[in-house]
Amino acid sequence: MKALKEVMTSVSDADAIVAGNVVSTYGELLDEEARWVERLADAGISEGSVVSLQADYSTEGVAALLALLRIRAICVPLSPSTEVKQQEFMEISATEHVIDLWGAGSTVSTTGRKADNNIYNKLRDQRNAGLVLFSSGTTGQSKASVLNLESLTETHLSENKRARRTMTFLNFDHIGGINTLLHALAHGGTVITTPGRNPDDVLRVVQDARVQVLPATPTFLTMCLIGQKLKAYDLSSLEVITYGTEPMPEQTLRKLHTELPNVRLKQTYGLSELGIMSTKSRSNDSLWVKLGGAGFDYKVIDGVLWVKSDKAMLGYLNAPYSFDDDGYFNTQDQVEVDGDYVKILGRRSEIINVGGLKVYPNEVESVILEVPNVADVTVSGRKNPVTGQVVQARIKPVEGYSAVDLEKAVVRHCGNRLEEYKVPVHIEISEDEHHSERFKKVRA
């Protein structure tokens, strides 16, 4: 990892991490990394060791990650939001050592396990650092993907982009979060942390820290719009908002473009299994996107996207290998194709089949979000003895609004905007949140 260290050394006086009023320069981050290298050695952590790093984007957490990368260990990052699954994830990953930075102090301990796994052994034979990421598990059991961490880092070092002030909105244990962090460090940019991930916390930091790049989820951006939060803060520093992890409602994208006309809205596409793919949106208010770039290729079979990536995982720790003979991974994402552009419609497993007719939840959600006083909505299929399935919608109202009036307004609006089979047959009005701790819609 000499190249990354050279970049960081060359900007040693520049701000590396900003957490509220605490600012760490690249020089200070490198010093902290060196201390962690010594501490890892003292704890018996060496090349090929499997280490759960329980941390967030603090200077100490980032330095510990860089130290694990430096010594070519296998890192299992766990953010505080995954605490309830901590033991499960540690058992699946066969964690040998634990770095715990969740509390006020920091501890390094040994579990007594021995991680003897063919995928790990492949990394060890290649003398490469590894990364284990768990899927969100919003539609089933979390899968553990094993990736080459050095390869992911080298991708960013090969790019020629200017340093920017970038917020780390996506979690420390998310492929998008790791990608954001590595991209910022590889270009001498500044990582801006946020104390919380609700709209007010995030937008206040954007305003006060003059954030230029905000990676986010469609669910979070929808919450910002419904709550009219974007108008409450000075967001003039923002240059780019990237969005991904789930389909974006067209209604949200159009409103976002209207309210932030000078901000570039860039759709991203990536999976824990593949890394983050280079993309180019057709326009700010379009869901059509070009996929590909160096090291990536894709094909569409029966409307489903298959992707080939030279940054792809080596495999799952707890599930069968999922690539075809040519190295393409079935993303399970249903897409439409228009020349060089594709539109992500949603996971194939989430498509609602009404008497043989397909309904994409994202399309119906986008229409329902046009109704005033809808704060959030989740559309899914419900079993029906006649048609197989019908459409159901769970709706969170704006605080204080009548549930009866809202249900009537939704039915009326959907009847005017959608084909009959797409109109929700069952509507539930609920104050419950619709998203996970990763601000991704939960459909299970």
Protein backbone atom coordinates (compact mmCIF):
# COMPACT_ATOMS: atom_id res chain seq x y z
CA MET A 1 0.00 0.00 0.00
CA LYS A 2 2.92 2.36 -0.65
CA ALA A 3 0.92 4.35 -3.23
CA LEU A 4 -1.85 5.26 -0.79
CA LYS A 5 0.66 6.28 1.85
CA GLU A 6 2.46 8.46 -0.70
CA VAL A 7 -0.79 10.29 -1.51
CA MET A 8 -1.54 10.83 2.16
CA THR A 9 2.01 11.96 2.92
CA SER A 10 1.94 14.46 0.05
CA VAL A 11 -1.03 16.25 1.67
CA SER A 12 0.05 15.79 5.30
CA ASP A 13 -1.08 19.28 6.33
CA ALA A 14 -4.52 18.97 4.70
CA ASP A 15 -7.67 18.07 6.62
CA ALA A 16 -8.32 14.32 6.46
CA ILE A 17 -11.25 13.79 8.85
CA VAL A 18 -13.65 16.33 10.31
CA ALA A 19 -15.90 15.17 13.16
CA GLY A 20 -17.75 18.17 14.56
CA ASN A 21 -15.14 20.54 15.99
CA VAL A 22 -12.39 17.90 15.88
CA VAL A 23 -10.19 18.03 12.77
CA SER A 24 -7.41 15.54 11.99
CA THR A 25 -4.85 16.21 9.29
CA TYR A 26 -3.40 13.53 7.04
CA GLY A 27 -0.19 13.73 9.02
CA GLU A 28 -2.07 13.00 12.23
CA LEU A 29 -3.99 10.17 10.57
CA LEU A 30 -0.71 8.60 9.39
CA ASP A 31 0.73 8.88 12.90
CA GLU A 32 -2.35 7.16 14.32
CA GLU A 33 -2.08 4.44 11.67
CA ALA A 34 1.56 3.81 12.69
CA ARG A 35 0.51 3.46 16.32
CA TRP A 36 -2.10 0.92 15.31
CA VAL A 37 0.42 -1.12 13.31
CA GLU A 38 2.49 -1.44 16.49
CA ARG A 39 -0.55 -2.22 18.61
CA LEU A 40 -1.69 -4.96 16.20
CA ALA A 41 1.73 -6.58 16.36
CA ASP A 42 1.68 -6.48 20.17
CA ALA A 43 -1.74 -8.20 20.12
CA GLY A 44 -0.50 -10.99 17.86
CA ILE A 45 -2.47 -9.75 14.84
CA SER A 46 -0.54 -10.36 11.65
CA GLU A 47 -0.89 -10.95 7.92
CA GLY A 48 -3.96 -13.10 7.20
CA SER A 49 -5.54 -12.62 10.65
CA VAL A 50 -9.35 -12.19 10.62
CA VAL A 51 -10.23 -9.09 12.65
CA SER A 52 -13.65 -7.62 13.46
CA LEU A 53 -13.25 -3.85 13.51
CA GLN A 54 -16.13 -2.41 15.52
CA ALA A 55 -15.86 1.25 14.61
CA ASP A 56 -17.21 4.22 12.71
CA TYR A 57 -15.53 7.03 10.76
CA SER A 58 -13.47 8.37 13.65
CA THR A 59 -9.78 9.09 13.15
CA GLU A 60 -8.96 6.07 15.29
CA GLY A 61 -11.38 3.82 13.38
CA VAL A 62 -10.06 4.87 9.97
CA ALA A 63 -6.46 4.53 11.18
CA ALA A 64 -7.17 1.01 12.46
CA LEU A 65 -8.65 0.07 9.07
CA LEU A 66 -5.60 1.45 7.28
CA ALA A 67 -3.31 -0.45 9.65
CA LEU A 68 -5.14 -3.72 8.90
CA LEU A 69 -4.79 -2.95 5.21
CA ARG A 70 -1.08 -2.23 5.69
CA ILE A 71 -0.32 -5.55 7.40
CA ARG A 72 -2.56 -7.47 4.95
CA ALA A 73 -5.05 -8.69 7.51
CA ILE A 74 -8.68 -9.61 6.74
CA CYS A 75 -10.99 -6.91 8.10
CA VAL A 76 -14.63 -7.44 9.13
CA PRO A 77 -15.94 -3.88 9.69
CA LEU A 78 -18.98 -3.62 11.97
CA SER A 79 -20.74 -0.30 12.56
CA PRO A 80 -22.65 0.40 15.81
CA SER A 81 -25.96 -0.18 13.98
CA THR A 82 -25.10 -3.90 13.64
CA GLU A 83 -24.55 -4.45 17.38
CA VAL A 84 -27.62 -6.68 17.64
CA LYS A 85 -26.05 -9.05 15.08
CA GLN A 86 -22.50 -8.77 16.38
CA GLN A 87 -22.16 -12.34 17.64
CA GLU A 88 -23.81 -13.82 14.54
CA PHE A 89 -21.49 -11.90 12.20
CA MET A 90 -18.42 -12.79 14.24
CA GLU A 91 -19.31 -16.49 14.12
CA ILE A 92 -20.00 -16.47 10.37
CA SER A 93 -16.72 -14.64 9.66
CA ALA A 94 -14.79 -16.83 12.14
CA THR A 95 -13.38 -13.69 13.74
CA GLU A 96 -10.05 -14.35 15.44
CA HIS A 97 -9.48 -10.90 16.96
CA VAL A 98 -11.76 -8.00 17.90
CA ILE A 99 -10.96 -4.29 17.86
CA ASP A 100 -13.74 -2.56 19.79
CA LEU A 101 -13.98 1.20 19.28
CA TRP A 102 -17.74 1.48 19.87
CA GLY A 103 -17.35 2.75 23.41
CA ALA A 104 -15.38 5.62 24.89
CA GLY A 105 -12.12 3.65 24.91
CA SER A 106 -10.57 1.04 22.67
CA THR A 107 -9.83 -2.61 23.29
CA VAL A 108 -8.16 -5.39 21.34
CA SER A 109 -9.03 -8.98 22.24
CA THR A 110 -8.71 -12.54 20.94
CA THR A 111 -11.65 -14.92 20.45
CA GLY A 112 -9.72 -18.20 20.38
CA ARG A 113 -11.16 -19.08 16.98
CA LYS A 114 -9.05 -20.27 14.05
CA ALA A 115 -10.29 -19.06 10.65
CA ASP A 116 -9.35 -21.86 8.29
CA ASN A 117 -11.49 -21.19 5.24
CA ASN A 118 -10.66 -21.81 1.58
CA ILE A 119 -11.60 -18.24 0.61
CA TYR A 120 -9.45 -16.78 3.37
CA ASN A 121 -6.62 -19.10 2.42
CA LYS A 122 -6.79 -17.84 -1.16
CA LEU A 123 -6.27 -14.28 0.07
CA ARG A 124 -3.42 -15.44 2.29
CA ASP A 125 -1.75 -17.30 -0.57
CA GLN A 126 -1.96 -14.14 -2.69
CA ARG A 127 -0.70 -12.06 0.27
CA ASN A 128 -3.61 -9.64 -0.10
CA ALA A 129 -5.61 -7.79 2.54
CA GLY A 130 -9.25 -8.84 2.73
CA LEU A 131 -12.61 -7.30 3.49
CA VAL A 132 -15.74 -9.11 4.71
CA LEU A 133 -19.06 -7.30 4.17
CA PHE A 134 -22.52 -8.45 5.21
CA SER A 135 -25.60 -7.71 3.14
CA SER A 136 -28.36 -5.72 4.84
CA GLY A 137 -30.57 -8.80 5.10
CA THR A 138 -33.73 -6.73 4.54
CA THR A 139 -35.22 -9.50 2.41
CA GLY A 140 -33.57 -12.52 4.05
CA GLN A 141 -30.46 -13.75 5.86
CA SER A 142 -27.35 -11.58 5.65
CA LYS A 143 -24.70 -13.01 3.32
CA ALA A 144 -20.99 -12.53 3.99
CA SER A 145 -19.00 -11.48 0.92
CA VAL A 146 -15.20 -11.70 0.93
CA LEU A 147 -13.36 -9.13 -1.21
CA ASN A 148 -9.79 -8.15 -1.96
CA LEU A 149 -9.36 -4.89 -0.03
CA GLU A 150 -6.11 -3.97 -1.79
CA SER A 151 -7.78 -4.29 -5.18
CA LEU A 152 -10.64 -2.01 -4.10
CA THR A 153 -8.13 0.59 -2.91
CA GLU A 154 -6.04 0.45 -6.08
CA THR A 155 -9.13 1.27 -8.15
CA HIS A 156 -9.28 4.74 -6.61
CA LEU A 157 -5.55 5.32 -6.79
CA SER A 158 -5.70 4.85 -10.58
CA GLU A 159 -8.27 7.66 -10.96
CA ASN A 160 -7.35 11.29 -11.52
CA LYS A 161 -9.92 13.33 -9.63
CA ARG A 162 -9.72 16.41 -7.45
CA ALA A 163 -9.98 16.40 -3.69
CA ARG A 164 -13.44 17.20 -2.32
CA ARG A 165 -15.15 17.49 1.03
CA THR A 166 -17.24 14.31 1.19
CA MET A 167 -19.72 13.18 3.81
CA THR A 168 -19.65 9.57 5.04
CA PHE A 169 -23.41 8.98 5.18
CA LEU A 170 -23.39 5.29 4.27
CA ASN A 171 -22.30 3.01 7.11
CA PHE A 172 -18.72 1.97 7.87
CA ASP A 173 -19.61 -1.66 7.07
CA HIS A 174 -21.38 -0.90 3.76
CA ILE A 175 -19.70 -1.25 0.35
CA GLY A 176 -20.82 2.29 -0.48
CA GLY A 177 -19.37 3.63 2.77
CA ILE A 178 -16.02 1.87 2.30
CA ASN A 179 -15.93 3.04 -1.33
CA THR A 180 -16.58 6.65 -0.26
CA LEU A 181 -13.84 6.51 2.36
CA LEU A 182 -11.22 4.97 0.06
CA HIS A 183 -12.07 7.40 -2.75
CA ALA A 184 -11.62 10.40 -0.44
CA LEU A 185 -8.32 9.19 1.02
CA ALA A 186 -6.90 8.21 -2.37
CA HIS A 187 -7.40 11.77 -3.64
CA GLY A 188 -6.39 13.67 -0.53
CA GLY A 189 -9.98 14.72 0.10
CA THR A 190 -11.65 15.51 3.40
CA VAL A 191 -13.96 13.01 5.10
CA ILE A 192 -16.82 14.74 6.92
CA THR A 193 -18.60 12.65 9.55
CA THR A 194 -22.14 13.14 10.85
CA PRO A 195 -23.34 12.62 14.45
CA GLY A 196 -26.61 11.11 13.21
CA ARG A 197 -28.25 10.15 9.95
CA ASN A 198 -31.61 11.86 10.13
CA PRO A 199 -32.19 14.75 7.68
CA ASP A 200 -31.58 17.56 10.19
CA ASP A 201 -28.30 16.08 11.46
CA VAL A 202 -26.96 15.45 7.98
CA LEU A 203 -28.03 18.72 6.35
CA ARG A 204 -26.75 20.76 9.27
CA VAL A 205 -23.32 19.19 8.80
CA VAL A 206 -23.49 19.82 5.03
CA GLN A 207 -24.15 23.48 5.80
CA ASP A 208 -21.62 23.96 8.61
CA ALA A 209 -18.76 21.85 7.16
CA ARG A 210 -19.32 23.02 3.57
CA VAL A 211 -19.75 19.50 2.24
CA GLN A 212 -19.36 19.16 -1.53
CA VAL A 213 -20.31 15.49 -2.08
CA LEU A 214 -23.22 13.79 -0.31
CA PRO A 215 -23.71 10.05 -0.88
CA ALA A 216 -27.24 9.08 0.22
CA THR A 217 -30.11 6.66 -0.27
CA PRO A 218 -33.39 7.38 -2.09
CA THR A 219 -35.26 6.77 1.18
CA PHE A 220 -33.21 9.44 2.97
CA LEU A 221 -33.65 11.93 0.11
CA THR A 222 -37.40 11.30 0.07
CA MET A 223 -37.49 12.08 3.81
CA CYS A 224 -35.64 15.36 3.17
CA LEU A 225 -38.19 16.39 0.56
CA ILE A 226 -41.32 15.36 2.44
CA GLY A 227 -40.12 17.22 5.53
CA GLN A 228 -39.13 20.25 3.41
CA LYS A 229 -35.69 20.06 5.01
CA LEU A 230 -33.67 21.14 1.97
CA LYS A 231 -35.01 24.70 2.24
CA ALA A 232 -34.07 25.00 5.90
CA TYR A 233 -30.29 24.86 5.39
CA ASP A 234 -27.62 26.59 3.31
CA LEU A 235 -26.62 23.85 0.86
CA SER A 236 -24.74 26.12 -1.54
CA SER A 237 -21.51 24.14 -1.09
CA LEU A 238 -23.08 20.95 -2.47
CA GLU A 239 -21.82 19.95 -5.91
CA VAL A 240 -22.85 16.29 -6.16
CA ILE A 241 -25.44 14.02 -4.56
CA THR A 242 -24.96 10.36 -5.33
CA TYR A 243 -27.78 7.89 -4.72
CA GLY A 244 -28.03 4.13 -4.87
CA THR A 245 -28.55 0.95 -2.76
CA GLU A 246 -32.24 0.79 -3.84
CA PRO A 247 -34.43 2.07 -6.71
CA MET A 248 -35.09 5.81 -6.74
CA PRO A 249 -38.75 6.92 -7.04
CA GLU A 250 -39.09 9.16 -10.11
CA GLN A 251 -41.17 11.59 -8.08
CA THR A 252 -38.31 12.02 -5.60
CA LEU A 253 -35.73 12.53 -8.35
CA ARG A 254 -37.83 15.15 -10.16
CA LYS A 255 -38.46 17.12 -6.96
CA LEU A 256 -34.81 16.88 -5.95
CA HIS A 257 -33.72 18.29 -9.31
CA THR A 258 -36.23 21.13 -8.99
CA GLU A 259 -35.12 22.10 -5.48
CA LEU A 260 -31.38 21.69 -6.13
CA PRO A 261 -30.96 22.65 -9.81
CA ASN A 262 -27.24 23.38 -9.47
CA VAL A 263 -26.39 20.05 -7.84
CA ARG A 264 -25.38 17.10 -9.98
CA LEU A 265 -27.54 14.07 -9.19
CA LYS A 266 -25.60 10.90 -9.93
CA GLN A 267 -27.02 7.41 -9.72
CA THR A 268 -24.53 4.82 -8.51
CA TYR A 269 -24.67 1.06 -8.84
CA GLY A 270 -22.84 -1.46 -6.76
CA LEU A 271 -23.18 -4.53 -4.60
CA SER A 272 -21.09 -6.00 -1.83
CA GLU A 273 -20.41 -8.86 -4.22
CA LEU A 274 -19.11 -6.64 -7.05
CA GLY A 275 -17.80 -3.34 -5.73
CA ILE A 276 -19.04 0.01 -7.10
CA MET A 277 -19.43 0.33 -10.86
CA SER A 278 -18.69 3.47 -12.86
CA THR A 279 -21.94 5.15 -13.96
CA LYS A 280 -23.19 8.08 -16.00
CA SER A 281 -26.76 9.29 -15.61
CA ARG A 282 -28.55 10.41 -18.78
CA SER A 283 -29.56 13.63 -17.00
CA ASN A 284 -30.14 14.96 -13.49
CA ASP A 285 -33.81 14.00 -13.50
CA SER A 286 -33.48 10.69 -15.37
CA LEU A 287 -33.28 7.18 -13.93
CA TRP A 288 -31.57 5.92 -17.11
CA VAL A 289 -27.88 5.27 -16.50
CA LYS A 290 -24.84 3.97 -18.37
CA LEU A 291 -23.04 1.18 -16.54
CA GLY A 292 -19.54 -0.13 -17.01
CA GLY A 293 -16.12 1.43 -17.02
CA ALA A 294 -12.74 -0.21 -16.58
CA GLY A 295 -12.95 -3.66 -15.06
CA PHE A 296 -16.73 -4.04 -15.47
CA ASP A 297 -19.02 -5.61 -18.04
CA TYR A 298 -22.68 -6.58 -17.99
CA LYS A 299 -25.35 -8.48 -19.86
CA VAL A 300 -29.13 -8.70 -19.58
CA ILE A 301 -30.84 -12.09 -19.61
CA ASP A 302 -34.67 -12.24 -19.49
CA GLY A 303 -34.70 -8.68 -18.19
CA VAL A 304 -32.27 -9.43 -15.34
CA LEU A 305 -28.90 -7.70 -14.98
CA TRP A 306 -25.75 -9.84 -14.80
CA VAL A 307 -22.46 -8.09 -14.01
CA LYS A 308 -18.82 -9.11 -14.40
CA SER A 309 -16.29 -7.25 -12.25
CA ASP A 310 -12.56 -7.61 -11.70
CA LYS A 311 -13.27 -6.32 -8.17
CA ALA A 312 -15.83 -9.06 -7.50
CA MET A 313 -15.88 -11.01 -4.28
CA LEU A 314 -13.96 -14.23 -3.98
CA GLY A 315 -17.15 -15.83 -2.70
CA TYR A 316 -19.63 -16.02 0.17
CA LEU A 317 -18.71 -17.45 3.55
CA ASN A 318 -22.24 -18.73 4.15
CA ALA A 319 -23.84 -19.25 0.75
CA PRO A 320 -23.08 -21.04 -2.56
CA TYR A 321 -20.88 -19.45 -5.23
CA SER A 322 -23.05 -17.22 -7.44
CA PHE A 323 -21.22 -16.57 -10.73
CA ASP A 324 -21.83 -18.23 -14.09
CA ASP A 325 -19.10 -19.96 -16.10
CA ASP A 326 -18.09 -16.64 -17.72
CA GLY A 327 -17.73 -14.84 -14.39
CA TYR A 328 -21.01 -12.88 -14.47
CA PHE A 329 -22.97 -12.40 -11.24
CA ASN A 330 -26.77 -12.52 -11.21
CA THR A 331 -27.72 -9.28 -9.45
CA GLN A 332 -31.43 -10.27 -9.32
CA ASP A 333 -32.19 -6.72 -10.49
CA GLN A 334 -34.88 -6.38 -13.16
CA VAL A 335 -33.94 -3.73 -15.74
CA GLU A 336 -35.10 -2.07 -18.94
CA VAL A 337 -32.61 -1.35 -21.72
CA ASP A 338 -32.51 1.64 -24.09
CA GLY A 339 -29.39 1.53 -26.22
CA ASP A 340 -26.41 2.09 -23.94
CA TYR A 341 -28.63 2.99 -20.99
CA VAL A 342 -30.39 0.80 -18.44
CA LYS A 343 -33.07 1.56 -15.86
CA ILE A 344 -33.06 -0.37 -12.58
CA LEU A 345 -36.66 -1.40 -11.85
CA GLY A 346 -36.12 -3.37 -8.65
CA ARG A 347 -35.31 -6.82 -7.36
CA ARG A 348 -36.98 -9.62 -9.27
CA SER A 349 -38.15 -11.16 -6.00
CA GLU A 350 -40.07 -7.95 -5.20
CA ILE A 351 -42.10 -7.86 -8.44
CA ILE A 352 -45.83 -8.25 -7.77
CA ASN A 353 -47.63 -10.66 -10.11
CA VAL A 354 -51.31 -9.71 -10.48
CA GLY A 355 -52.95 -12.31 -12.68
CA GLY A 356 -49.82 -12.60 -14.83
CA LEU A 357 -49.29 -8.82 -15.04
CA LYS A 358 -46.12 -7.37 -13.50
CA VAL A 359 -46.21 -4.53 -11.02
CA TYR A 360 -42.98 -2.86 -9.88
CA PRO A 361 -43.29 -1.52 -6.31
CA ASN A 362 -41.12 1.50 -7.09
CA GLU A 363 -43.54 2.71 -9.80
CA VAL A 364 -46.53 2.61 -7.47
CA GLU A 365 -44.55 4.17 -4.61
CA SER A 366 -43.53 7.05 -6.85
CA VAL A 367 -47.17 7.77 -7.70
CA ILE A 368 -48.30 7.57 -4.06
CA LEU A 369 -45.54 10.01 -3.07
CA GLU A 370 -47.27 12.57 -5.32
CA VAL A 371 -50.15 12.64 -2.83
CA PRO A 372 -49.86 15.48 -0.29
CA ASN A 373 -49.24 14.46 3.33
CA VAL A 374 -47.61 11.11 2.48
CA ALA A 375 -44.34 10.93 4.43
CA ASP A 376 -43.28 7.47 3.23
CA VAL A 377 -44.73 4.43 1.50
CA THR A 378 -43.78 0.79 0.98
CA VAL A 379 -45.56 -1.25 -1.68
CA SER A 380 -45.51 -5.04 -1.77
CA GLY A 381 -47.52 -8.04 -2.95
CA ARG A 382 -50.24 -9.77 -0.96
CA LYS A 383 -51.53 -13.25 -1.68
CA ASN A 384 -54.91 -13.47 -3.41
CA PRO A 385 -56.80 -16.69 -4.28
CA VAL A 386 -58.04 -15.30 -7.62
CA THR A 387 -55.14 -13.28 -9.08
CA GLY A 388 -52.25 -14.85 -7.16
CA GLN A 389 -51.29 -11.47 -5.74
CA VAL A 390 -52.70 -7.99 -5.35
CA VAL A 391 -50.95 -4.72 -4.53
CA GLN A 392 -50.80 -3.52 -0.93
CA ALA A 393 -49.37 -0.27 0.39
CA ARG A 394 -48.16 0.64 3.87
CA ILE A 395 -48.20 4.42 4.23
CA LYS A 396 -46.71 6.71 6.85
CA PRO A 397 -48.66 9.99 7.00
CA VAL A 398 -47.31 13.43 7.71
CA GLU A 399 -47.71 14.03 11.44
CA GLY A 400 -51.21 15.08 12.44
CA TYR A 401 -52.95 14.19 9.17
CA SER A 402 -56.16 12.13 9.14
CA ALA A 403 -55.60 8.48 8.19
CA VAL A 404 -59.08 8.16 6.66
CA ASP A 405 -58.66 11.24 4.48
CA LEU A 406 -55.20 10.11 3.39
CA GLU A 407 -56.41 6.64 2.39
CA LYS A 408 -59.21 8.13 0.29
CA ALA A 409 -56.78 10.56 -1.39
CA VAL A 410 -54.32 7.75 -2.23
CA VAL A 411 -57.01 5.51 -3.74
CA ARG A 412 -58.39 8.40 -5.81
CA HIS A 413 -54.97 9.52 -7.05
CA CYS A 414 -53.79 6.00 -7.92
CA GLY A 415 -57.04 5.36 -9.78
CA ASN A 416 -56.34 8.39 -11.95
CA ARG A 417 -52.64 7.68 -12.52
CA LEU A 418 -52.28 3.90 -12.71
CA GLU A 419 -53.73 0.94 -14.55
CA GLU A 420 -56.41 -0.77 -12.48
CA TYR A 421 -54.30 -3.82 -11.58
CA LYS A 422 -51.57 -1.55 -10.13
CA VAL A 423 -53.90 0.30 -7.75
CA PRO A 424 -53.42 -0.84 -4.13
CA VAL A 425 -56.23 -3.09 -2.94
CA HIS A 426 -55.08 -3.02 0.68
CA ILE A 427 -53.83 0.17 2.35
CA GLU A 428 -52.41 0.34 5.86
CA ILE A 429 -51.80 3.71 7.49
CA SER A 430 -49.02 3.41 10.06
CA GLU A 431 -46.68 5.73 11.96
CA ASP A 432 -43.90 3.09 11.85
CA GLU A 433 -40.64 3.83 10.03
CA HIS A 434 -40.12 2.05 6.71
CA HIS A 435 -36.34 1.99 6.61
CA SER A 436 -33.48 0.09 8.20
CA GLU A 437 -30.59 1.64 10.11
CA ARG A 438 -28.92 1.98 6.70
CA PHE A 439 -31.79 4.22 5.52
CA LYS A 440 -32.81 1.57 3.01
CA LYS A 441 -36.44 0.55 2.58
CA VAL A 442 -37.34 -2.72 4.33
CA ARG A 443 -39.67 -4.87 2.24
CA ALA A 444 -39.48 -8.19 4.09
